[in-house]
Amino acid sequence: MITVIYFWRIEARRAPLAIWHMAIDRRKLKKDPTIRFFKLLGTGTGQTFTPRDADPTLWGLVATLEESTVETFDSREVVAGWRKFARSEARYLAVPISSHGLWSGNQPFEVNSELAKNWNGEVLALTRARIRWRKNLQFWRAVPPVISSLRGAEGVKTAFGIGEAPLGLQGTFSIWRDSEAVRTFAYNGAAHVDVIRKTHSQKWYSEELFARFAVLEVRGSITSDK
């Protein structure tokens, strides 16, 4: 299995079309027998993980597929539909080298243990969490220092927020120089370590997942006028 992640940059005036695709594409993807797991994603700055962070010009899709079907999937209706009105597209092909936790009750990423031992190239990190509603305020107050430290972390190349819904289902997408850079941030960054401690002691999340991937191929890039 391989994980493919798309991001599409669109013009802000096309946001209603993107929202429409978020609704209809879910049904189409559920019917695709080659897909083991998928999520359609909105994005944001990640500064507060509230609706005011939302970026209506950047949308995404993460899917787990049989490796032999990637190029066929790339030309199918869903991807082609976004491509028709996107200003730019980025596609990441990645193999899981570490995954802990669940996403919508599933463990969607099958770790390649052999690659995990030997990989020294770029790493893609995905985090996501289902925040307990009564814990949202505590979570929002704790996030800004973590995001600031993430953006300034040694070895991070890009980082932004992702989400399946405006509230309660939040996460991050980031690209790192290597696995060591990710580990250094995760276990030595004071703000991040403090939030992890509070996450467990105060039970902020009802579900969470952290996964790292070996980046095999990057096609295209996400441009922005911001």
Protein backbone atom coordinates (compact mmCIF):
# COMPACT_ATOMS: atom_id res chain seq x y z
CA MET A 1 0.00 0.00 0.00
CA ILE A 2 1.06 3.57 -0.64
CA THR A 3 -0.31 6.90 0.55
CA VAL A 4 -1.00 9.65 -1.96
CA ILE A 5 -1.69 13.20 -0.79
CA TYR A 6 -2.96 15.99 -3.03
CA PHE A 7 -3.28 19.70 -2.36
CA TRP A 8 -4.99 22.07 -4.76
CA ARG A 9 -4.60 25.84 -4.70
CA ILE A 10 -7.66 27.61 -6.09
CA GLU A 11 -8.88 31.18 -6.47
CA ALA A 12 -10.90 32.40 -3.48
CA ARG A 13 -13.96 32.99 -5.65
CA ARG A 14 -13.98 29.26 -6.43
CA ALA A 15 -14.44 28.29 -2.77
CA PRO A 16 -18.17 27.41 -3.21
CA LEU A 17 -17.18 24.98 -5.98
CA ALA A 18 -14.58 23.42 -3.69
CA ILE A 19 -17.17 22.96 -0.92
CA TRP A 20 -19.49 21.30 -3.43
CA HIS A 21 -16.70 18.91 -4.45
CA MET A 22 -16.05 18.10 -0.80
CA ALA A 23 -19.62 16.86 -0.58
CA ILE A 24 -20.01 14.95 -3.85
CA ASP A 25 -16.49 13.50 -4.02
CA ARG A 26 -16.93 11.68 -0.72
CA ARG A 27 -19.60 9.48 -2.27
CA LYS A 28 -17.48 8.80 -5.36
CA LEU A 29 -14.42 7.86 -3.32
CA LYS A 30 -16.42 5.50 -1.12
CA LYS A 31 -17.40 3.54 -4.23
CA ASP A 32 -13.81 3.16 -5.48
CA PRO A 33 -12.69 -0.42 -4.69
CA THR A 34 -8.99 0.45 -5.00
CA ILE A 35 -9.11 2.86 -2.05
CA ARG A 36 -8.47 1.45 1.42
CA PHE A 37 -8.84 4.79 3.22
CA PHE A 38 -9.41 8.43 2.31
CA LYS A 39 -10.10 11.85 3.79
CA LEU A 40 -10.96 15.10 2.05
CA LEU A 41 -9.35 18.05 3.81
CA GLY A 42 -9.67 21.75 4.28
CA THR A 43 -6.61 23.71 5.37
CA GLY A 44 -5.68 26.70 7.46
CA THR A 45 -2.81 28.59 8.98
CA GLY A 46 -2.97 26.48 12.13
CA GLN A 47 -2.49 29.51 14.35
CA THR A 48 -5.53 28.85 16.54
CA PHE A 49 -7.31 25.86 14.93
CA THR A 50 -10.55 27.84 14.87
CA PRO A 51 -12.61 28.80 11.78
CA ARG A 52 -10.81 32.13 11.45
CA ASP A 53 -7.67 30.20 10.41
CA ALA A 54 -9.39 28.63 7.41
CA ASP A 55 -7.72 29.04 4.02
CA PRO A 56 -10.47 28.90 1.36
CA THR A 57 -7.84 28.71 -1.39
CA LEU A 58 -6.18 25.41 -0.37
CA TRP A 59 -7.88 21.99 -0.26
CA GLY A 60 -6.57 18.45 -0.01
CA LEU A 61 -7.10 14.71 -0.26
CA VAL A 62 -5.23 11.88 1.46
CA ALA A 63 -5.80 8.31 0.26
CA THR A 64 -4.27 4.90 0.86
CA LEU A 65 -4.11 2.80 -2.32
CA GLU A 66 -2.51 -0.23 -3.87
CA GLU A 67 0.72 1.11 -5.34
CA SER A 68 -0.10 -0.28 -8.77
CA THR A 69 -3.27 1.85 -8.97
CA VAL A 70 -1.73 5.27 -8.21
CA GLU A 71 -1.38 6.49 -11.78
CA THR A 72 -4.85 5.24 -12.70
CA PHE A 73 -6.29 7.04 -9.68
CA ASP A 74 -4.43 10.18 -10.73
CA SER A 75 -6.52 10.42 -13.89
CA ARG A 76 -9.89 9.47 -12.42
CA GLU A 77 -12.91 11.70 -12.04
CA VAL A 78 -12.26 13.07 -8.55
CA VAL A 79 -8.68 14.22 -9.10
CA ALA A 80 -9.43 15.39 -12.63
CA GLY A 81 -12.37 17.40 -11.32
CA TRP A 82 -10.22 19.39 -8.91
CA ARG A 83 -7.54 19.84 -11.53
CA LYS A 84 -9.99 21.59 -13.84
CA PHE A 85 -10.30 24.65 -11.60
CA ALA A 86 -7.11 24.53 -9.53
CA ARG A 87 -4.42 27.17 -10.03
CA SER A 88 -1.77 24.67 -8.90
CA GLU A 89 -1.49 21.10 -7.62
CA ALA A 90 0.99 19.26 -5.43
CA ARG A 91 1.05 15.48 -5.17
CA TYR A 92 3.05 13.53 -2.59
CA LEU A 93 3.69 9.80 -2.84
CA ALA A 94 4.65 8.49 0.57
CA VAL A 95 5.14 5.24 2.48
CA PRO A 96 4.32 5.06 6.22
CA ILE A 97 7.35 4.51 8.45
CA SER A 98 5.57 5.16 11.76
CA SER A 99 1.92 5.43 12.76
CA HIS A 100 0.28 5.61 16.17
CA GLY A 101 -3.38 6.06 16.98
CA LEU A 102 -6.60 5.98 14.98
CA TRP A 103 -8.38 8.06 12.36
CA SER A 104 -12.17 7.69 12.41
CA GLY A 105 -11.75 4.40 14.23
CA ASN A 106 -9.28 3.03 11.67
CA GLN A 107 -5.53 2.52 11.51
CA PRO A 108 -5.21 3.60 7.87
CA PHE A 109 -1.46 3.43 7.39
CA GLU A 110 0.42 0.14 7.07
CA VAL A 111 3.99 0.76 8.25
CA ASN A 112 6.87 -0.48 6.11
CA SER A 113 9.23 -1.64 8.87
CA GLU A 114 12.19 -2.27 6.58
CA LEU A 115 12.01 1.20 5.04
CA ALA A 116 11.59 2.70 8.50
CA LYS A 117 14.97 1.29 9.55
CA ASN A 118 16.87 2.65 6.57
CA TRP A 119 15.14 5.86 5.46
CA ASN A 120 17.25 9.02 5.70
CA GLY A 121 15.43 11.24 3.22
CA GLU A 122 12.60 13.75 3.54
CA VAL A 123 9.79 12.91 5.96
CA LEU A 124 6.13 13.90 5.77
CA ALA A 125 4.29 14.12 9.08
CA LEU A 126 0.52 14.02 9.56
CA THR A 127 -1.17 14.67 12.89
CA ARG A 128 -4.89 14.74 13.56
CA ALA A 129 -7.14 14.72 16.59
CA ARG A 130 -10.79 14.66 17.53
CA ILE A 131 -11.04 17.28 20.26
CA ARG A 132 -13.57 16.82 23.04
CA TRP A 133 -16.02 19.71 22.80
CA ARG A 134 -15.66 20.74 26.43
CA LYS A 135 -11.88 20.90 25.94
CA ASN A 136 -11.83 23.17 22.87
CA LEU A 137 -11.06 26.36 24.79
CA GLN A 138 -8.11 24.80 26.60
CA PHE A 139 -6.80 23.42 23.31
CA TRP A 140 -7.07 26.78 21.50
CA ARG A 141 -5.18 28.56 24.27
CA ALA A 142 -2.32 26.05 24.12
CA VAL A 143 -1.88 25.93 20.33
CA PRO A 144 -0.16 29.26 19.39
CA PRO A 145 3.21 28.56 21.08
CA VAL A 146 3.36 25.11 19.46
CA ILE A 147 2.65 26.46 15.99
CA SER A 148 5.26 29.19 16.41
CA SER A 149 7.87 26.65 17.46
CA LEU A 150 6.84 24.28 14.63
CA ARG A 151 7.30 26.97 11.97
CA GLY A 152 10.70 27.88 13.37
CA ALA A 153 11.88 24.31 14.02
CA GLU A 154 15.21 23.17 12.61
CA GLY A 155 14.64 21.02 9.53
CA VAL A 156 10.97 21.85 8.83
CA LYS A 157 10.35 22.79 5.18
CA THR A 158 6.62 23.49 5.21
CA ALA A 159 3.82 23.24 7.77
CA PHE A 160 0.14 24.19 7.92
CA GLY A 161 -3.12 23.11 9.50
CA ILE A 162 -5.52 20.55 8.06
CA GLY A 163 -9.04 19.62 9.11
CA GLU A 164 -12.08 17.56 8.19
CA ALA A 165 -14.43 20.11 9.76
CA PRO A 166 -14.24 23.73 10.93
CA LEU A 167 -14.17 22.66 14.59
CA GLY A 168 -13.19 19.59 16.58
CA LEU A 169 -11.33 17.63 13.88
CA GLN A 170 -7.93 19.24 13.56
CA GLY A 171 -4.43 18.34 12.48
CA THR A 172 -1.19 19.39 10.83
CA PHE A 173 0.70 18.59 7.64
CA SER A 174 4.44 19.14 7.55
CA ILE A 175 7.52 18.22 5.52
CA TRP A 176 10.86 17.72 7.26
CA ARG A 177 14.49 17.32 6.22
CA ASP A 178 14.69 13.88 7.86
CA SER A 179 13.38 11.73 10.71
CA GLU A 180 15.86 13.14 13.19
CA ALA A 181 14.47 16.66 12.70
CA VAL A 182 10.95 15.40 13.45
CA ARG A 183 12.08 13.57 16.58
CA THR A 184 14.00 16.59 17.84
CA PHE A 185 10.93 18.80 17.56
CA ALA A 186 8.56 16.19 19.00
CA TYR A 187 10.60 15.33 22.08
CA ASN A 188 12.78 18.38 22.74
CA GLY A 189 10.52 21.31 21.81
CA ALA A 190 9.35 22.76 25.13
CA ALA A 191 5.97 24.02 23.87
CA HIS A 192 5.20 20.76 22.08
CA VAL A 193 6.23 18.58 25.01
CA ASP A 194 4.06 20.68 27.34
CA VAL A 195 1.01 20.27 25.09
CA ILE A 196 1.56 16.51 24.83
CA ARG A 197 1.65 16.30 28.63
CA LYS A 198 -1.57 18.31 28.96
CA THR A 199 -3.21 16.29 26.18
CA HIS A 200 -2.88 13.15 28.25
CA SER A 201 -3.37 14.55 31.74
CA GLN A 202 -6.42 16.66 30.80
CA LYS A 203 -7.82 14.26 28.18
CA TRP A 204 -8.29 16.83 25.40
CA TYR A 205 -8.75 14.27 22.62
CA SER A 206 -11.25 11.46 22.13
CA GLU A 207 -9.10 10.17 19.22
CA GLU A 208 -5.69 11.06 17.84
CA LEU A 209 -3.14 9.93 15.27
CA PHE A 210 0.47 10.77 14.50
CA ALA A 211 2.09 9.30 11.39
CA ARG A 212 5.39 9.77 9.60
CA PHE A 213 6.06 8.88 5.96
CA ALA A 214 9.07 8.46 3.70
CA VAL A 215 8.56 10.91 0.83
CA LEU A 216 9.16 8.97 -2.38
CA GLU A 217 8.06 11.57 -4.90
CA VAL A 218 6.78 15.13 -5.01
CA ARG A 219 5.10 16.42 -8.13
CA GLY A 220 4.15 20.06 -8.51
CA SER A 221 3.93 22.70 -5.81
CA ILE A 222 1.39 24.86 -4.00
CA THR A 223 1.66 28.46 -4.97
CA SER A 224 0.08 31.30 -3.02
CA ASP A 225 -0.42 35.00 -3.44
CA LYS A 226 -0.39 35.50 0.36
